[in-house]
Amino acid sequence: MGAAIIFLVDNVIGLAIFAIIASAVLSWLVAFNILNIRNPIAYQIVRVLEAVTSPLLRPIQRLLPNLGGVDLSPIVAFLLLKTIQIAVDKSLAPVLIGWLG
């Protein structure tokens, strides 16, 4: 049971990291006019990624100072999520697996 919980938490964090990276890359492609969001499929992909990553990035964006057009919130979110993932894998996993079996 404990291994399943650790597996689930680890994969959810991994998917969140993937979504943040994909959203950042797509925003750059849109900004440099490489990806046209007038295409309905591209527009849907960008909107879904924004909807998924927005709850993670908005609190960080409120805390960070305004740097003009540079958004550092994906980098900060990536670092925070990786830190949580490592902490869960190294510290919480042995305790939880030992406790729940």
PDB file of N, CA and C in Angstrom:
ATOM      1  N   MET A   1       0.825  -1.201   0.000  1.00  0.00           N
ATOM      2  CA  MET A   1       0.000   0.000   0.000  1.00  0.00           C
ATOM      3  C   MET A   1       0.864   1.258   0.000  1.00  0.00           C
ATOM      4  N   GLY A   2       1.895   1.253   0.837  1.00  0.00           N
ATOM      5  CA  GLY A   2       2.775   2.421   0.923  1.00  0.00           C
ATOM      6  C   GLY A   2       3.522   2.667  -0.370  1.00  0.00           C
ATOM      7  N   ALA A   3       3.957   1.574  -1.021  1.00  0.00           N
ATOM      8  CA  ALA A   3       4.668   1.715  -2.293  1.00  0.00           C
ATOM      9  C   ALA A   3       3.751   2.288  -3.370  1.00  0.00           C
ATOM     10  N   ALA A   4       2.481   1.925  -3.324  1.00  0.00           N
ATOM     11  CA  ALA A   4       1.527   2.438  -4.308  1.00  0.00           C
ATOM     12  C   ALA A   4       1.308   3.940  -4.124  1.00  0.00           C
ATOM     13  N   ILE A   5       1.239   4.381  -2.875  1.00  0.00           N
ATOM     14  CA  ILE A   5       1.058   5.816  -2.602  1.00  0.00           C
ATOM     15  C   ILE A   5       2.282   6.598  -3.065  1.00  0.00           C
ATOM     16  N   ILE A   6       3.467   6.083  -2.772  1.00  0.00           N
ATOM     17  CA  ILE A   6       4.705   6.745  -3.214  1.00  0.00           C
ATOM     18  C   ILE A   6       4.762   6.773  -4.736  1.00  0.00           C
ATOM     19  N   PHE A   7       4.390   5.676  -5.388  1.00  0.00           N
ATOM     20  CA  PHE A   7       4.362   5.609  -6.844  1.00  0.00           C
ATOM     21  C   PHE A   7       3.422   6.663  -7.410  1.00  0.00           C
ATOM     22  N   LEU A   8       2.227   6.782  -6.835  1.00  0.00           N
ATOM     23  CA  LEU A   8       1.240   7.742  -7.307  1.00  0.00           C
ATOM     24  C   LEU A   8       1.730   9.179  -7.139  1.00  0.00           C
ATOM     25  N   VAL A   9       2.260   9.502  -5.961  1.00  0.00           N
ATOM     26  CA  VAL A   9       2.758  10.856  -5.702  1.00  0.00           C
ATOM     27  C   VAL A   9       3.913  11.187  -6.643  1.00  0.00           C
ATOM     28  N   ASP A  10       4.815  10.244  -6.814  1.00  0.00           N
ATOM     29  CA  ASP A  10       5.977  10.458  -7.684  1.00  0.00           C
ATOM     30  C   ASP A  10       5.545  10.707  -9.126  1.00  0.00           C
ATOM     31  N   ASN A  11       4.576   9.963  -9.611  1.00  0.00           N
ATOM     32  CA  ASN A  11       4.114  10.128 -10.995  1.00  0.00           C
ATOM     33  C   ASN A  11       3.297  11.395 -11.187  1.00  0.00           C
ATOM     34  N   VAL A  12       2.507  11.786 -10.197  1.00  0.00           N
ATOM     35  CA  VAL A  12       1.759  13.040 -10.304  1.00  0.00           C
ATOM     36  C   VAL A  12       2.721  14.226 -10.362  1.00  0.00           C
ATOM     37  N   ILE A  13       3.758  14.187  -9.538  1.00  0.00           N
ATOM     38  CA  ILE A  13       4.758  15.257  -9.579  1.00  0.00           C
ATOM     39  C   ILE A  13       5.475  15.247 -10.925  1.00  0.00           C
ATOM     40  N   GLY A  14       5.802  14.070 -11.434  1.00  0.00           N
ATOM     41  CA  GLY A  14       6.453  13.973 -12.740  1.00  0.00           C
ATOM     42  C   GLY A  14       5.587  14.522 -13.865  1.00  0.00           C
ATOM     43  N   LEU A  15       4.297  14.239 -13.824  1.00  0.00           N
ATOM     44  CA  LEU A  15       3.386  14.780 -14.841  1.00  0.00           C
ATOM     45  C   LEU A  15       3.258  16.297 -14.730  1.00  0.00           C
ATOM     46  N   ALA A  16       3.238  16.811 -13.513  1.00  0.00           N
ATOM     47  CA  ALA A  16       3.170  18.261 -13.324  1.00  0.00           C
ATOM     48  C   ALA A  16       4.432  18.934 -13.877  1.00  0.00           C
ATOM     49  N   ILE A  17       5.579  18.333 -13.637  1.00  0.00           N
ATOM     50  CA  ILE A  17       6.838  18.874 -14.175  1.00  0.00           C
ATOM     51  C   ILE A  17       6.809  18.847 -15.702  1.00  0.00           C
ATOM     52  N   PHE A  18       6.346  17.746 -16.281  1.00  0.00           N
ATOM     53  CA  PHE A  18       6.240  17.652 -17.738  1.00  0.00           C
ATOM     54  C   PHE A  18       5.309  18.728 -18.290  1.00  0.00           C
ATOM     55  N   ALA A  19       4.170  18.934 -17.636  1.00  0.00           N
ATOM     56  CA  ALA A  19       3.208  19.939 -18.101  1.00  0.00           C
ATOM     57  C   ALA A  19       3.802  21.345 -18.020  1.00  0.00           C
ATOM     58  N   ILE A  20       4.561  21.641 -16.968  1.00  0.00           N
ATOM     59  CA  ILE A  20       5.185  22.965 -16.832  1.00  0.00           C
ATOM     60  C   ILE A  20       6.208  23.186 -17.937  1.00  0.00           C
ATOM     61  N   ILE A  21       7.023  22.186 -18.205  1.00  0.00           N
ATOM     62  CA  ILE A  21       8.040  22.323 -19.264  1.00  0.00           C
ATOM     63  C   ILE A  21       7.367  22.459 -20.622  1.00  0.00           C
ATOM     64  N   ALA A  22       6.361  21.635 -20.888  1.00  0.00           N
ATOM     65  CA  ALA A  22       5.656  21.715 -22.174  1.00  0.00           C
ATOM     66  C   ALA A  22       4.971  23.064 -22.346  1.00  0.00           C
ATOM     67  N   SER A  23       4.369  23.570 -21.290  1.00  0.00           N
ATOM     68  CA  SER A  23       3.703  24.870 -21.357  1.00  0.00           C
ATOM     69  C   SER A  23       4.701  25.997 -21.622  1.00  0.00           C
ATOM     70  N   ALA A  24       5.852  25.938 -20.969  1.00  0.00           N
ATOM     71  CA  ALA A  24       6.874  26.967 -21.188  1.00  0.00           C
ATOM     72  C   ALA A  24       7.391  26.936 -22.621  1.00  0.00           C
ATOM     73  N   VAL A  25       7.668  25.738 -23.131  1.00  0.00           N
ATOM     74  CA  VAL A  25       8.167  25.612 -24.506  1.00  0.00           C
ATOM     75  C   VAL A  25       7.120  26.102 -25.505  1.00  0.00           C
ATOM     76  N   LEU A  26       5.865  25.708 -25.302  1.00  0.00           N
ATOM     77  CA  LEU A  26       4.813  26.157 -26.218  1.00  0.00           C
ATOM     78  C   LEU A  26       4.605  27.665 -26.146  1.00  0.00           C
ATOM     79  N   SER A  27       4.742  28.261 -24.962  1.00  0.00           N
ATOM     80  CA  SER A  27       4.596  29.714 -24.865  1.00  0.00           C
ATOM     81  C   SER A  27       5.715  30.424 -25.632  1.00  0.00           C
ATOM     82  N   TRP A  28       6.915  29.850 -25.609  1.00  0.00           N
ATOM     83  CA  TRP A  28       8.011  30.431 -26.394  1.00  0.00           C
ATOM     84  C   TRP A  28       7.728  30.293 -27.885  1.00  0.00           C
ATOM     85  N   LEU A  29       7.218  29.134 -28.305  1.00  0.00           N
ATOM     86  CA  LEU A  29       6.903  28.930 -29.714  1.00  0.00           C
ATOM     87  C   LEU A  29       5.815  29.888 -30.191  1.00  0.00           C
ATOM     88  N   VAL A  30       4.840  30.152 -29.341  1.00  0.00           N
ATOM     89  CA  VAL A  30       3.789  31.118 -29.687  1.00  0.00           C
ATOM     90  C   VAL A  30       4.368  32.522 -29.725  1.00  0.00           C
ATOM     91  N   ALA A  31       5.216  32.864 -28.754  1.00  0.00           N
ATOM     92  CA  ALA A  31       5.795  34.213 -28.684  1.00  0.00           C
ATOM     93  C   ALA A  31       6.676  34.513 -29.895  1.00  0.00           C
ATOM     94  N   PHE A  32       7.403  33.507 -30.379  1.00  0.00           N
ATOM     95  CA  PHE A  32       8.282  33.716 -31.536  1.00  0.00           C
ATOM     96  C   PHE A  32       7.582  33.430 -32.856  1.00  0.00           C
ATOM     97  N   ASN A  33       6.277  33.283 -32.827  1.00  0.00           N
ATOM     98  CA  ASN A  33       5.454  33.089 -34.019  1.00  0.00           C
ATOM     99  C   ASN A  33       5.806  31.821 -34.795  1.00  0.00           C
ATOM    100  N   ILE A  34       6.276  30.810 -34.094  1.00  0.00           N
ATOM    101  CA  ILE A  34       6.560  29.530 -34.725  1.00  0.00           C
ATOM    102  C   ILE A  34       5.299  28.669 -34.706  1.00  0.00           C
ATOM    103  N   LEU A  35       4.543  28.791 -33.634  1.00  0.00           N
ATOM    104  CA  LEU A  35       3.291  28.067 -33.489  1.00  0.00           C
ATOM    105  C   LEU A  35       2.141  29.052 -33.598  1.00  0.00           C
ATOM    106  N   ASN A  36       1.229  28.772 -34.502  1.00  0.00           N
ATOM    107  CA  ASN A  36       0.089  29.645 -34.729  1.00  0.00           C
ATOM    108  C   ASN A  36      -1.093  29.124 -33.917  1.00  0.00           C
ATOM    109  N   ILE A  37      -1.546  29.907 -32.943  1.00  0.00           N
ATOM    110  CA  ILE A  37      -2.657  29.434 -32.113  1.00  0.00           C
ATOM    111  C   ILE A  37      -4.014  29.662 -32.772  1.00  0.00           C
ATOM    112  N   ARG A  38      -4.012  30.153 -33.995  1.00  0.00           N
ATOM    113  CA  ARG A  38      -5.269  30.189 -34.750  1.00  0.00           C
ATOM    114  C   ARG A  38      -5.664  28.796 -35.227  1.00  0.00           C
ATOM    115  N   ASN A  39      -4.691  27.889 -35.213  1.00  0.00           N
ATOM    116  CA  ASN A  39      -4.972  26.485 -35.497  1.00  0.00           C
ATOM    117  C   ASN A  39      -5.740  25.923 -34.297  1.00  0.00           C
ATOM    118  N   PRO A  40      -6.925  25.351 -34.521  1.00  0.00           N
ATOM    119  CA  PRO A  40      -7.748  24.899 -33.383  1.00  0.00           C
ATOM    120  C   PRO A  40      -7.077  23.852 -32.493  1.00  0.00           C
ATOM    121  N   ILE A  41      -6.318  22.952 -33.079  1.00  0.00           N
ATOM    122  CA  ILE A  41      -5.654  21.915 -32.281  1.00  0.00           C
ATOM    123  C   ILE A  41      -4.561  22.535 -31.424  1.00  0.00           C
ATOM    124  N   ALA A  42      -3.744  23.409 -32.007  1.00  0.00           N
ATOM    125  CA  ALA A  42      -2.693  24.080 -31.253  1.00  0.00           C
ATOM    126  C   ALA A  42      -3.296  24.933 -30.141  1.00  0.00           C
ATOM    127  N   TYR A  43      -4.398  25.615 -30.444  1.00  0.00           N
ATOM    128  CA  TYR A  43      -5.066  26.446 -29.447  1.00  0.00           C
ATOM    129  C   TYR A  43      -5.560  25.594 -28.278  1.00  0.00           C
ATOM    130  N   GLN A  44      -6.155  24.437 -28.570  1.00  0.00           N
ATOM    131  CA  GLN A  44      -6.653  23.562 -27.508  1.00  0.00           C
ATOM    132  C   GLN A  44      -5.518  23.045 -26.635  1.00  0.00           C
ATOM    133  N   ILE A  45      -4.405  22.670 -27.245  1.00  0.00           N
ATOM    134  CA  ILE A  45      -3.260  22.159 -26.482  1.00  0.00           C
ATOM    135  C   ILE A  45      -2.718  23.244 -25.558  1.00  0.00           C
ATOM    136  N   VAL A  46      -2.572  24.454 -26.084  1.00  0.00           N
ATOM    137  CA  VAL A  46      -2.066  25.563 -25.267  1.00  0.00           C
ATOM    138  C   VAL A  46      -3.028  25.858 -24.121  1.00  0.00           C
ATOM    139  N   ARG A  47      -4.327  25.860 -24.377  1.00  0.00           N
ATOM    140  CA  ARG A  47      -5.326  26.156 -23.340  1.00  0.00           C
ATOM    141  C   ARG A  47      -5.342  25.078 -22.257  1.00  0.00           C
ATOM    142  N   VAL A  48      -5.246  23.808 -22.657  1.00  0.00           N
ATOM    143  CA  VAL A  48      -5.239  22.725 -21.674  1.00  0.00           C
ATOM    144  C   VAL A  48      -4.004  22.824 -20.781  1.00  0.00           C
ATOM    145  N   LEU A  49      -2.852  23.074 -21.385  1.00  0.00           N
ATOM    146  CA  LEU A  49      -1.632  23.204 -20.582  1.00  0.00           C
ATOM    147  C   LEU A  49      -1.695  24.415 -19.655  1.00  0.00           C
ATOM    148  N   GLU A  50      -2.279  25.513 -20.124  1.00  0.00           N
ATOM    149  CA  GLU A  50      -2.455  26.675 -19.254  1.00  0.00           C
ATOM    150  C   GLU A  50      -3.388  26.359 -18.093  1.00  0.00           C
ATOM    151  N   ALA A  51      -4.452  25.628 -18.366  1.00  0.00           N
ATOM    152  CA  ALA A  51      -5.399  25.275 -17.310  1.00  0.00           C
ATOM    153  C   ALA A  51      -4.767  24.350 -16.276  1.00  0.00           C
ATOM    154  N   VAL A  52      -3.884  23.472 -16.718  1.00  0.00           N
ATOM    155  CA  VAL A  52      -3.233  22.536 -15.803  1.00  0.00           C
ATOM    156  C   VAL A  52      -2.143  23.227 -14.983  1.00  0.00           C
ATOM    157  N   THR A  53      -1.357  24.081 -15.624  1.00  0.00           N
ATOM    158  CA  THR A  53      -0.211  24.676 -14.938  1.00  0.00           C
ATOM    159  C   THR A  53      -0.538  25.970 -14.202  1.00  0.00           C
ATOM    160  N   SER A  54      -1.608  26.613 -14.554  1.00  0.00           N
ATOM    161  CA  SER A  54      -1.952  27.891 -13.928  1.00  0.00           C
ATOM    162  C   SER A  54      -2.098  27.812 -12.408  1.00  0.00           C
ATOM    163  N   PRO A  55      -2.783  26.800 -11.856  1.00  0.00           N
ATOM    164  CA  PRO A  55      -2.870  26.739 -10.389  1.00  0.00           C
ATOM    165  C   PRO A  55      -1.523  26.560  -9.699  1.00  0.00           C
ATOM    166  N   LEU A  56      -0.556  25.988 -10.387  1.00  0.00           N
ATOM    167  CA  LEU A  56       0.774  25.826  -9.808  1.00  0.00           C
ATOM    168  C   LEU A  56       1.614  27.100  -9.933  1.00  0.00           C
ATOM    169  N   LEU A  57       1.448  27.803 -11.045  1.00  0.00           N
ATOM    170  CA  LEU A  57       2.319  28.932 -11.331  1.00  0.00           C
ATOM    171  C   LEU A  57       1.820  30.268 -10.763  1.00  0.00           C
ATOM    172  N   ARG A  58       0.524  30.459 -10.656  1.00  0.00           N
ATOM    173  CA  ARG A  58      -0.027  31.755 -10.204  1.00  0.00           C
ATOM    174  C   ARG A  58       0.472  32.174  -8.821  1.00  0.00           C
ATOM    175  N   PRO A  59       0.470  31.290  -7.807  1.00  0.00           N
ATOM    176  CA  PRO A  59       0.988  31.731  -6.498  1.00  0.00           C
ATOM    177  C   PRO A  59       2.460  32.125  -6.544  1.00  0.00           C
ATOM    178  N   ILE A  60       3.234  31.433  -7.365  1.00  0.00           N
ATOM    179  CA  ILE A  60       4.658  31.758  -7.494  1.00  0.00           C
ATOM    180  C   ILE A  60       4.827  33.086  -8.214  1.00  0.00           C
ATOM    181  N   GLN A  61       4.004  33.338  -9.235  1.00  0.00           N
ATOM    182  CA  GLN A  61       4.086  34.601  -9.970  1.00  0.00           C
ATOM    183  C   GLN A  61       3.749  35.790  -9.081  1.00  0.00           C
ATOM    184  N   ARG A  62       2.852  35.590  -8.120  1.00  0.00           N
ATOM    185  CA  ARG A  62       2.516  36.679  -7.193  1.00  0.00           C
ATOM    186  C   ARG A  62       3.676  37.010  -6.265  1.00  0.00           C
ATOM    187  N   LEU A  63       4.498  36.021  -5.947  1.00  0.00           N
ATOM    188  CA  LEU A  63       5.621  36.233  -5.033  1.00  0.00           C
ATOM    189  C   LEU A  63       6.862  36.804  -5.715  1.00  0.00           C
ATOM    190  N   LEU A  64       7.062  36.456  -6.979  1.00  0.00           N
ATOM    191  CA  LEU A  64       8.258  36.897  -7.692  1.00  0.00           C
ATOM    192  C   LEU A  64       8.126  38.356  -8.134  1.00  0.00           C
ATOM    193  N   PRO A  65       9.242  39.090  -8.140  1.00  0.00           N
ATOM    194  CA  PRO A  65       9.176  40.472  -8.635  1.00  0.00           C
ATOM    195  C   PRO A  65       8.970  40.500 -10.147  1.00  0.00           C
ATOM    196  N   ASN A  66       8.436  41.609 -10.636  1.00  0.00           N
ATOM    197  CA  ASN A  66       8.212  41.776 -12.064  1.00  0.00           C
ATOM    198  C   ASN A  66       9.551  42.026 -12.756  1.00  0.00           C
ATOM    199  N   LEU A  67       9.895  41.156 -13.688  1.00  0.00           N
ATOM    200  CA  LEU A  67      11.160  41.274 -14.414  1.00  0.00           C
ATOM    201  C   LEU A  67      10.933  41.651 -15.872  1.00  0.00           C
ATOM    202  N   GLY A  68       9.880  42.374 -16.125  1.00  0.00           N
ATOM    203  CA  GLY A  68       9.562  42.748 -17.503  1.00  0.00           C
ATOM    204  C   GLY A  68       8.843  41.603 -18.180  1.00  0.00           C
ATOM    205  N   GLY A  69       9.374  41.136 -19.285  1.00  0.00           N
ATOM    206  CA  GLY A  69       8.739  40.061 -20.030  1.00  0.00           C
ATOM    207  C   GLY A  69       9.231  38.678 -19.656  1.00  0.00           C
ATOM    208  N   VAL A  70      10.082  38.576 -18.646  1.00  0.00           N
ATOM    209  CA  VAL A  70      10.661  37.291 -18.265  1.00  0.00           C
ATOM    210  C   VAL A  70       9.852  36.696 -17.113  1.00  0.00           C
ATOM    211  N   ASP A  71       9.369  35.478 -17.309  1.00  0.00           N
ATOM    212  CA  ASP A  71       8.610  34.782 -16.281  1.00  0.00           C
ATOM    213  C   ASP A  71       9.460  33.641 -15.730  1.00  0.00           C
ATOM    214  N   LEU A  72       9.891  33.782 -14.498  1.00  0.00           N
ATOM    215  CA  LEU A  72      10.726  32.761 -13.876  1.00  0.00           C
ATOM    216  C   LEU A  72       9.924  31.737 -13.082  1.00  0.00           C
ATOM    217  N   SER A  73       8.606  31.889 -13.058  1.00  0.00           N
ATOM    218  CA  SER A  73       7.791  30.987 -12.251  1.00  0.00           C
ATOM    219  C   SER A  73       7.890  29.515 -12.680  1.00  0.00           C
ATOM    220  N   PRO A  74       8.019  29.180 -13.972  1.00  0.00           N
ATOM    221  CA  PRO A  74       8.188  27.759 -14.307  1.00  0.00           C
ATOM    222  C   PRO A  74       9.475  27.165 -13.739  1.00  0.00           C
ATOM    223  N   ILE A  75      10.537  27.949 -13.707  1.00  0.00           N
ATOM    224  CA  ILE A  75      11.801  27.461 -13.154  1.00  0.00           C
ATOM    225  C   ILE A  75      11.668  27.230 -11.659  1.00  0.00           C
ATOM    226  N   VAL A  76      11.049  28.183 -10.961  1.00  0.00           N
ATOM    227  CA  VAL A  76      10.857  28.053  -9.517  1.00  0.00           C
ATOM    228  C   VAL A  76       9.939  26.866  -9.219  1.00  0.00           C
ATOM    229  N   ALA A  77       8.860  26.715  -9.986  1.00  0.00           N
ATOM    230  CA  ALA A  77       7.943  25.594  -9.780  1.00  0.00           C
ATOM    231  C   ALA A  77       8.646  24.265 -10.043  1.00  0.00           C
ATOM    232  N   PHE A  78       9.457  24.204 -11.082  1.00  0.00           N
ATOM    233  CA  PHE A  78      10.218  22.995 -11.383  1.00  0.00           C
ATOM    234  C   PHE A  78      11.130  22.626 -10.217  1.00  0.00           C
ATOM    235  N   LEU A  79      11.864  23.614  -9.701  1.00  0.00           N
ATOM    236  CA  LEU A  79      12.773  23.350  -8.587  1.00  0.00           C
ATOM    237  C   LEU A  79      12.026  22.917  -7.329  1.00  0.00           C
ATOM    238  N   LEU A  80      10.906  23.552  -7.044  1.00  0.00           N
ATOM    239  CA  LEU A  80      10.112  23.168  -5.877  1.00  0.00           C
ATOM    240  C   LEU A  80       9.547  21.757  -6.020  1.00  0.00           C
ATOM    241  N   LEU A  81       9.022  21.433  -7.189  1.00  0.00           N
ATOM    242  CA  LEU A  81       8.463  20.099  -7.397  1.00  0.00           C
ATOM    243  C   LEU A  81       9.541  19.017  -7.337  1.00  0.00           C
ATOM    244  N   LYS A  82      10.710  19.279  -7.899  1.00  0.00           N
ATOM    245  CA  LYS A  82      11.805  18.309  -7.822  1.00  0.00           C
ATOM    246  C   LYS A  82      12.262  18.127  -6.376  1.00  0.00           C
ATOM    247  N   THR A  83      12.297  19.221  -5.605  1.00  0.00           N
ATOM    248  CA  THR A  83      12.670  19.129  -4.198  1.00  0.00           C
ATOM    249  C   THR A  83      11.664  18.272  -3.431  1.00  0.00           C
ATOM    250  N   ILE A  84      10.389  18.494  -3.684  1.00  0.00           N
ATOM    251  CA  ILE A  84       9.346  17.686  -3.031  1.00  0.00           C
ATOM    252  C   ILE A  84       9.466  16.227  -3.452  1.00  0.00           C
ATOM    253  N   GLN A  85       9.714  15.998  -4.726  1.00  0.00           N
ATOM    254  CA  GLN A  85       9.839  14.632  -5.231  1.00  0.00           C
ATOM    255  C   GLN A  85      11.016  13.908  -4.575  1.00  0.00           C
ATOM    256  N   ILE A  86      12.146  14.575  -4.460  1.00  0.00           N
ATOM    257  CA  ILE A  86      13.314  13.968  -3.823  1.00  0.00           C
ATOM    258  C   ILE A  86      13.048  13.722  -2.346  1.00  0.00           C
ATOM    259  N   ALA A  87      12.410  14.686  -1.678  1.00  0.00           N
ATOM    260  CA  ALA A  87      12.099  14.518  -0.263  1.00  0.00           C
ATOM    261  C   ALA A  87      11.162  13.336  -0.034  1.00  0.00           C
ATOM    262  N   VAL A  88      10.172  13.192  -0.899  1.00  0.00           N
ATOM    263  CA  VAL A  88       9.246  12.059  -0.774  1.00  0.00           C
ATOM    264  C   VAL A  88       9.978  10.746  -1.018  1.00  0.00           C
ATOM    265  N   ASP A  89      10.805  10.705  -2.058  1.00  0.00           N
ATOM    266  CA  ASP A  89      11.505   9.463  -2.402  1.00  0.00           C
ATOM    267  C   ASP A  89      12.542   9.063  -1.342  1.00  0.00           C
ATOM    268  N   LYS A  90      13.256  10.021  -0.805  1.00  0.00           N
ATOM    269  CA  LYS A  90      14.357   9.707   0.114  1.00  0.00           C
ATOM    270  C   LYS A  90      13.939   9.655   1.577  1.00  0.00           C
ATOM    271  N   SER A  91      13.019  10.510   1.982  1.00  0.00           N
ATOM    272  CA  SER A  91      12.688  10.602   3.398  1.00  0.00           C
ATOM    273  C   SER A  91      11.353   9.954   3.755  1.00  0.00           C
ATOM    274  N   LEU A  92      10.336  10.282   3.009  1.00  0.00           N
ATOM    275  CA  LEU A  92       8.995   9.821   3.359  1.00  0.00           C
ATOM    276  C   LEU A  92       8.728   8.392   2.904  1.00  0.00           C
ATOM    277  N   ALA A  93       9.305   7.986   1.782  1.00  0.00           N
ATOM    278  CA  ALA A  93       9.042   6.654   1.241  1.00  0.00           C
ATOM    279  C   ALA A  93       9.432   5.537   2.209  1.00  0.00           C
ATOM    280  N   PRO A  94      10.628   5.538   2.774  1.00  0.00           N
ATOM    281  CA  PRO A  94      10.969   4.443   3.701  1.00  0.00           C
ATOM    282  C   PRO A  94      10.044   4.393   4.920  1.00  0.00           C
ATOM    283  N   VAL A  95       9.676   5.545   5.440  1.00  0.00           N
ATOM    284  CA  VAL A  95       8.801   5.585   6.604  1.00  0.00           C
ATOM    285  C   VAL A  95       7.421   5.065   6.239  1.00  0.00           C
ATOM    286  N   LEU A  96       6.872   5.560   5.116  1.00  0.00           N
ATOM    287  CA  LEU A  96       5.534   5.160   4.716  1.00  0.00           C
ATOM    288  C   LEU A  96       5.464   3.684   4.341  1.00  0.00           C
ATOM    289  N   ILE A  97       6.464   3.198   3.644  1.00  0.00           N
ATOM    290  CA  ILE A  97       6.478   1.780   3.259  1.00  0.00           C
ATOM    291  C   ILE A  97       6.620   0.906   4.504  1.00  0.00           C
ATOM    292  N   GLY A  98       7.456   1.321   5.441  1.00  0.00           N
ATOM    293  CA  GLY A  98       7.603   0.561   6.679  1.00  0.00           C
ATOM    294  C   GLY A  98       6.354   0.592   7.534  1.00  0.00           C
ATOM    295  N   TRP A  99       5.658   1.706   7.516  1.00  0.00           N
ATOM    296  CA  TRP A  99       4.450   1.864   8.339  1.00  0.00           C
ATOM    297  C   TRP A  99       3.253   1.130   7.750  1.00  0.00           C
ATOM    298  N   LEU A 100       3.055   1.312   6.414  1.00  0.00           N
ATOM    299  CA  LEU A 100       1.888   0.696   5.767  1.00  0.00           C
ATOM    300  C   LEU A 100       2.173  -0.689   5.203  1.00  0.00           C
ATOM    301  N   GLY A 101       3.440  -0.956   4.982  1.00  0.00           N
ATOM    302  CA  GLY A 101       3.803  -2.282   4.465  1.00  0.00           C
ATOM    303  C   GLY A 101       3.730  -2.388   3.052  1.00  0.00           C
TER     304      GLY A 101
END
